[in-house]
Amino acid sequence: MSDWLISFEGTEAGTHLALALAILAAVLHAVFGALQKGRHDPWLTRGAIDVWLVVLAAPCALFLVPFPEPHMWPIFATAVGIHVIYKCLQAQAYTKGAYTVVYPVVRGTGPLFAVIGAYLIFDESFTGLQWLGVAVLLSGIFGLAAYNLVFLTFQRDTLPAALALAVATGLLVALYTTFDAYGIRATADPFTFLAWFFMFEGMTMPWIALARWRRMADPPAPGPLFRRGFFGAVVALMSFGSIMLATRLDKVGEAAVLRETSVVFAAIIGVVFLRETVGPRRIALMILIALGAVIVEMGG
């Protein structure tokens, strides 16, 4: 399968496949974010997800994919460090603000800096029309954040802290998107990077979650938490795996921008499953986000 996938690099078919993978990642990432914000404490949910990441990824890493080349070990160490900081910021942001408040800011900050990182590291460039698309997408995302800041009353006392944490998380999203793209291109077999990365990445947060669980006066039962964690791990493998493969097949910046249509899917999930309110103004801003992503793709 690796040889089949690599054969698409630099081809028109590879560009179309990268587009499909980026959109798939958007849908799945919105689901993943809702899982972490949902029923349980975000730190505990993340810990349960990561336990399953190790369980699911380890057999693939140890028995199915080629062993990493020696130069990959510092790349894995750096990637895992970036993701640990990202996950801690994300979990803390979700403890301070509603899902439909935090998620748009995280996803809006990420693509802008990812595009800049792709230019600096991979020498990628956008056309004028694509930059217009980025501007439209970001205006929708940050317009949504501004609307939330002005009008929402839920968790109002912690809203500024939630937004600050969301911006910091978005910066880490850009950093891990760019660095992971570098990592998956640095090895001959992309599935080697994915399997070993997920195995290593899942080894840290469970310990933080366990310490938090032990300090709780009324900790939740492990059974439902780990059931949610299993589903979340499957979604994470598919979501992050899809976007990483998309960055190997085509431009990192385009994949990063297209993934941010996840804000639209997140709003749908927030309304339908988390019972959060989304009015007509916020719907209009979400349409801007989707329109911006379409312009970016057409401009390329």
Protein backbone atom coordinates (compact mmCIF):
# COMPACT_ATOMS: atom_id res chain seq x y z
CA MET A 1 0.00 0.00 0.00
CA SER A 2 2.90 2.35 0.73
CA ASP A 3 4.28 2.01 -2.80
CA TRP A 4 0.79 2.60 -4.22
CA LEU A 5 0.36 5.77 -2.16
CA ILE A 6 3.84 7.11 -2.91
CA SER A 7 3.18 6.64 -6.64
CA PHE A 8 0.59 9.46 -6.42
CA GLU A 9 3.13 12.06 -5.23
CA GLY A 10 3.46 14.97 -7.64
CA THR A 11 0.54 13.83 -9.83
CA GLU A 12 -2.90 15.32 -10.51
CA ALA A 13 -4.47 12.21 -8.98
CA GLY A 14 -2.35 12.83 -5.88
CA THR A 15 -3.72 16.37 -5.64
CA HIS A 16 -7.31 15.07 -5.79
CA LEU A 17 -6.55 12.37 -3.22
CA ALA A 18 -4.95 14.95 -0.91
CA LEU A 19 -8.11 17.09 -1.21
CA ALA A 20 -10.32 14.16 -0.24
CA LEU A 21 -8.03 13.28 2.68
CA ALA A 22 -8.01 16.88 3.94
CA ILE A 23 -11.83 17.09 3.90
CA LEU A 24 -12.08 13.70 5.59
CA ALA A 25 -9.66 14.97 8.24
CA ALA A 26 -11.88 18.05 8.72
CA VAL A 27 -15.00 15.98 9.41
CA LEU A 28 -13.18 13.58 11.71
CA HIS A 29 -11.35 16.34 13.56
CA ALA A 30 -14.65 18.01 14.40
CA VAL A 31 -15.91 14.70 15.76
CA PHE A 32 -12.69 14.27 17.72
CA GLY A 33 -12.95 17.72 19.27
CA ALA A 34 -16.53 17.08 20.34
CA LEU A 35 -15.51 13.79 21.95
CA GLN A 36 -12.87 15.56 24.02
CA LYS A 37 -15.25 18.37 25.03
CA GLY A 38 -18.24 16.10 25.61
CA ARG A 39 -19.45 14.14 28.60
CA HIS A 40 -16.22 13.65 30.57
CA ASP A 41 -13.43 15.91 31.81
CA PRO A 42 -11.31 16.80 28.70
CA TRP A 43 -8.09 15.68 30.40
CA LEU A 44 -9.52 12.27 31.25
CA THR A 45 -10.99 11.81 27.80
CA ARG A 46 -7.65 12.65 26.19
CA GLY A 47 -5.86 10.20 28.47
CA ALA A 48 -8.30 7.39 27.63
CA ILE A 49 -7.95 8.13 23.91
CA ASP A 50 -4.17 7.97 24.12
CA VAL A 51 -4.20 4.64 25.94
CA TRP A 52 -6.04 3.18 22.97
CA LEU A 53 -3.70 4.95 20.54
CA VAL A 54 -0.80 2.97 21.99
CA VAL A 55 -2.79 -0.28 21.98
CA LEU A 56 -3.86 0.15 18.36
CA ALA A 57 -0.63 1.58 16.96
CA ALA A 58 1.95 -0.61 18.71
CA PRO A 59 1.24 -3.86 16.78
CA CYS A 60 1.44 -1.94 13.49
CA ALA A 61 4.68 -0.22 14.50
CA LEU A 62 6.37 -3.35 15.80
CA PHE A 63 5.21 -5.95 13.28
CA LEU A 64 3.68 -4.43 10.12
CA VAL A 65 5.70 -1.42 8.95
CA PRO A 66 9.43 -1.05 8.25
CA PHE A 67 11.65 -0.05 11.19
CA PRO A 68 12.39 3.71 11.31
CA GLU A 69 15.67 4.95 9.91
CA PRO A 70 18.19 6.23 12.52
CA HIS A 71 17.59 9.88 11.64
CA MET A 72 13.90 9.52 12.53
CA TRP A 73 14.37 9.17 16.31
CA PRO A 74 14.99 12.89 17.05
CA ILE A 75 12.12 13.73 14.68
CA PHE A 76 9.79 11.48 16.69
CA ALA A 77 10.99 13.01 19.97
CA THR A 78 10.36 16.56 18.73
CA ALA A 79 6.96 15.71 17.24
CA VAL A 80 5.78 14.05 20.45
CA GLY A 81 6.94 17.03 22.54
CA ILE A 82 5.00 19.44 20.32
CA HIS A 83 1.86 17.31 20.52
CA VAL A 84 2.03 16.99 24.32
CA ILE A 85 2.10 20.78 24.70
CA TYR A 86 -0.74 21.08 22.17
CA LYS A 87 -2.90 18.53 23.99
CA CYS A 88 -2.38 20.20 27.37
CA LEU A 89 -3.35 23.60 25.98
CA GLN A 90 -6.37 22.13 24.19
CA ALA A 91 -7.64 20.34 27.28
CA GLN A 92 -7.23 23.45 29.42
CA ALA A 93 -9.04 25.58 26.82
CA TYR A 94 -11.98 23.17 26.82
CA THR A 95 -12.22 23.42 30.62
CA LYS A 96 -12.58 27.21 30.31
CA GLY A 97 -14.92 27.65 27.35
CA ALA A 98 -17.72 26.09 25.29
CA TYR A 99 -16.80 23.89 22.35
CA THR A 100 -18.24 26.28 19.74
CA VAL A 101 -16.23 29.12 21.35
CA VAL A 102 -12.84 27.44 21.64
CA TYR A 103 -12.80 25.32 18.51
CA PRO A 104 -13.18 28.10 15.87
CA VAL A 105 -10.32 30.14 17.37
CA VAL A 106 -8.00 27.13 17.51
CA ARG A 107 -8.75 26.22 13.93
CA GLY A 108 -8.53 29.83 12.72
CA THR A 109 -5.11 30.53 14.19
CA GLY A 110 -3.64 27.27 12.92
CA PRO A 111 -3.89 27.56 9.12
CA LEU A 112 -2.49 31.08 8.87
CA PHE A 113 0.73 30.13 10.64
CA ALA A 114 0.82 26.75 8.90
CA VAL A 115 0.80 28.52 5.53
CA ILE A 116 3.68 30.73 6.69
CA GLY A 117 5.56 27.68 7.98
CA ALA A 118 5.02 25.83 4.70
CA TYR A 119 6.50 28.81 2.85
CA LEU A 120 9.56 28.98 5.10
CA ILE A 121 10.24 25.23 5.31
CA PHE A 122 8.89 23.72 2.08
CA ASP A 123 9.16 26.80 -0.18
CA GLU A 124 5.45 26.61 -0.96
CA SER A 125 3.60 29.65 -2.29
CA PHE A 126 -0.05 30.65 -2.73
CA THR A 127 -1.59 32.49 -5.66
CA GLY A 128 -3.35 35.81 -5.14
CA LEU A 129 -6.73 34.08 -5.38
CA GLN A 130 -5.69 31.53 -2.77
CA TRP A 131 -4.63 34.29 -0.38
CA LEU A 132 -8.06 35.83 -0.91
CA GLY A 133 -9.55 32.47 0.07
CA VAL A 134 -7.40 32.37 3.21
CA ALA A 135 -8.58 35.89 4.09
CA VAL A 136 -12.25 34.92 3.59
CA LEU A 137 -11.82 31.75 5.66
CA LEU A 138 -10.03 33.57 8.48
CA SER A 139 -12.58 36.41 8.47
CA GLY A 140 -15.30 33.82 9.03
CA ILE A 141 -13.40 32.04 11.79
CA PHE A 142 -12.28 35.12 13.68
CA GLY A 143 -15.63 36.80 13.07
CA LEU A 144 -17.16 33.80 14.79
CA ALA A 145 -14.75 34.23 17.69
CA ALA A 146 -15.56 37.96 17.98
CA TYR A 147 -19.29 37.22 17.95
CA ASN A 148 -18.81 34.70 20.75
CA LEU A 149 -16.78 37.17 22.77
CA VAL A 150 -19.44 39.90 22.49
CA PHE A 151 -22.71 38.01 22.71
CA LEU A 152 -22.30 34.69 24.49
CA THR A 153 -23.11 34.55 28.19
CA PHE A 154 -22.25 30.90 28.94
CA GLN A 155 -18.99 30.62 30.97
CA ARG A 156 -18.59 34.38 30.54
CA ASP A 157 -16.18 34.76 33.45
CA THR A 158 -13.67 32.35 31.90
CA LEU A 159 -14.18 33.40 28.27
CA PRO A 160 -11.07 35.63 27.93
CA ALA A 161 -8.87 32.86 29.35
CA ALA A 162 -10.52 30.34 27.02
CA LEU A 163 -9.85 32.53 23.97
CA ALA A 164 -6.22 33.15 24.98
CA LEU A 165 -5.67 29.42 25.43
CA ALA A 166 -7.40 28.80 22.09
CA VAL A 167 -4.99 31.16 20.28
CA ALA A 168 -2.00 29.46 21.92
CA THR A 169 -3.40 26.08 20.93
CA GLY A 170 -3.82 27.29 17.35
CA LEU A 171 -0.14 28.23 17.22
CA LEU A 172 0.73 24.70 18.30
CA VAL A 173 -1.61 23.33 15.62
CA ALA A 174 0.40 25.21 13.01
CA LEU A 175 3.66 23.98 14.51
CA TYR A 176 2.66 20.33 14.62
CA THR A 177 1.07 20.46 11.15
CA THR A 178 4.29 21.80 9.64
CA PHE A 179 6.65 19.60 11.62
CA ASP A 180 4.59 16.43 11.10
CA ALA A 181 4.63 17.16 7.35
CA TYR A 182 8.41 17.36 7.58
CA GLY A 183 8.51 14.10 9.53
CA ILE A 184 6.31 12.09 7.19
CA ARG A 185 8.41 13.26 4.24
CA ALA A 186 11.66 12.35 6.01
CA THR A 187 11.04 8.59 5.94
CA ALA A 188 10.78 6.32 2.93
CA ASP A 189 7.53 4.73 4.10
CA PRO A 190 4.83 7.17 5.32
CA PHE A 191 3.11 4.45 7.35
CA THR A 192 6.33 3.95 9.34
CA PHE A 193 6.03 7.53 10.53
CA LEU A 194 2.32 7.22 11.29
CA ALA A 195 2.53 3.96 13.26
CA TRP A 196 5.56 4.88 15.36
CA PHE A 197 4.41 8.44 15.89
CA PHE A 198 1.00 7.38 17.21
CA MET A 199 2.57 4.77 19.49
CA PHE A 200 4.99 7.28 21.01
CA GLU A 201 2.47 10.13 21.11
CA GLY A 202 0.01 8.11 23.16
CA MET A 203 2.45 7.33 25.98
CA THR A 204 2.37 10.66 27.86
CA MET A 205 -1.16 11.94 28.44
CA PRO A 206 -2.50 8.79 30.16
CA TRP A 207 -0.19 9.46 33.12
CA ILE A 208 -1.36 13.07 33.41
CA ALA A 209 -5.00 11.94 33.18
CA LEU A 210 -4.45 9.23 35.80
CA ALA A 211 -3.00 11.76 38.26
CA ARG A 212 -5.98 14.06 37.66
CA TRP A 213 -8.45 11.15 38.07
CA ARG A 214 -6.90 10.21 41.41
CA ARG A 215 -7.24 13.77 42.73
CA MET A 216 -10.97 13.96 41.92
CA ALA A 217 -13.44 13.82 44.78
CA ASP A 218 -15.89 11.86 42.62
CA PRO A 219 -13.96 10.33 39.69
CA PRO A 220 -16.00 8.87 36.80
CA ALA A 221 -16.25 5.14 36.25
CA PRO A 222 -13.44 3.88 33.96
CA GLY A 223 -15.75 1.76 31.76
CA PRO A 224 -17.69 4.51 29.92
CA LEU A 225 -14.55 6.66 29.77
CA PHE A 226 -12.53 3.95 28.03
CA ARG A 227 -15.37 3.15 25.64
CA ARG A 228 -15.35 6.78 24.57
CA GLY A 229 -11.57 6.63 24.46
CA PHE A 230 -11.59 3.71 22.04
CA PHE A 231 -13.92 5.51 19.64
CA GLY A 232 -11.84 8.66 19.97
CA ALA A 233 -8.62 6.78 19.22
CA VAL A 234 -10.06 5.30 16.03
CA VAL A 235 -11.23 8.77 14.96
CA ALA A 236 -7.82 10.27 15.84
CA LEU A 237 -5.94 7.65 13.83
CA MET A 238 -8.11 8.31 10.81
CA SER A 239 -8.19 12.10 11.19
CA PHE A 240 -4.53 12.81 11.89
CA GLY A 241 -3.46 10.03 9.56
CA SER A 242 -5.51 11.54 6.75
CA ILE A 243 -4.08 15.03 7.12
CA MET A 244 -0.51 13.75 7.41
CA LEU A 245 -0.90 11.71 4.23
CA ALA A 246 -2.45 14.74 2.52
CA THR A 247 0.63 16.82 3.39
CA ARG A 248 2.86 14.14 1.89
CA LEU A 249 0.89 14.02 -1.36
CA ASP A 250 0.37 17.74 -1.92
CA LYS A 251 1.00 21.20 -0.47
CA VAL A 252 1.11 21.47 3.32
CA GLY A 253 -0.50 24.92 3.31
CA GLU A 254 -3.48 23.89 1.19
CA ALA A 255 -4.14 20.81 3.32
CA ALA A 256 -3.95 22.90 6.50
CA VAL A 257 -6.45 25.45 5.17
CA LEU A 258 -8.90 22.85 3.84
CA ARG A 259 -8.89 21.01 7.16
CA GLU A 260 -10.28 24.14 8.81
CA THR A 261 -13.66 23.53 7.23
CA SER A 262 -13.91 21.36 10.34
CA VAL A 263 -15.32 24.49 12.04
CA VAL A 264 -18.51 24.06 10.00
CA PHE A 265 -18.82 20.41 10.98
CA ALA A 266 -18.01 21.32 14.58
CA ALA A 267 -20.92 23.77 14.66
CA ILE A 268 -23.29 21.08 13.43
CA ILE A 269 -22.03 18.69 16.11
CA GLY A 270 -22.25 21.39 18.78
CA VAL A 271 -25.90 22.06 17.96
CA VAL A 272 -27.10 18.50 17.38
CA PHE A 273 -25.17 16.57 20.01
CA LEU A 274 -23.88 19.09 22.60
CA ARG A 275 -27.08 21.19 22.60
CA GLU A 276 -25.18 24.44 22.01
CA THR A 277 -27.00 27.33 20.30
CA VAL A 278 -25.96 28.60 16.86
CA GLY A 279 -27.91 31.58 15.49
CA PRO A 280 -28.21 32.98 11.93
CA ARG A 281 -25.18 35.30 12.28
CA ARG A 282 -22.94 32.45 13.27
CA ILE A 283 -24.31 30.33 10.43
CA ALA A 284 -23.43 33.12 7.98
CA LEU A 285 -19.88 33.27 9.35
CA MET A 286 -19.55 29.51 8.95
CA ILE A 287 -20.62 29.83 5.32
CA LEU A 288 -17.72 32.29 4.89
CA ILE A 289 -15.35 29.65 6.26
CA ALA A 290 -16.53 27.06 3.77
CA LEU A 291 -16.42 29.62 0.93
CA GLY A 292 -12.84 30.53 1.80
CA ALA A 293 -11.78 26.90 1.64
CA VAL A 294 -13.42 26.51 -1.78
CA ILE A 295 -11.59 29.61 -3.07
CA VAL A 296 -8.25 28.25 -1.83
CA GLU A 297 -8.79 24.98 -3.66
CA MET A 298 -10.03 26.61 -6.88
CA GLY A 299 -7.20 29.16 -6.81
CA GLY A 300 -4.63 26.37 -6.82
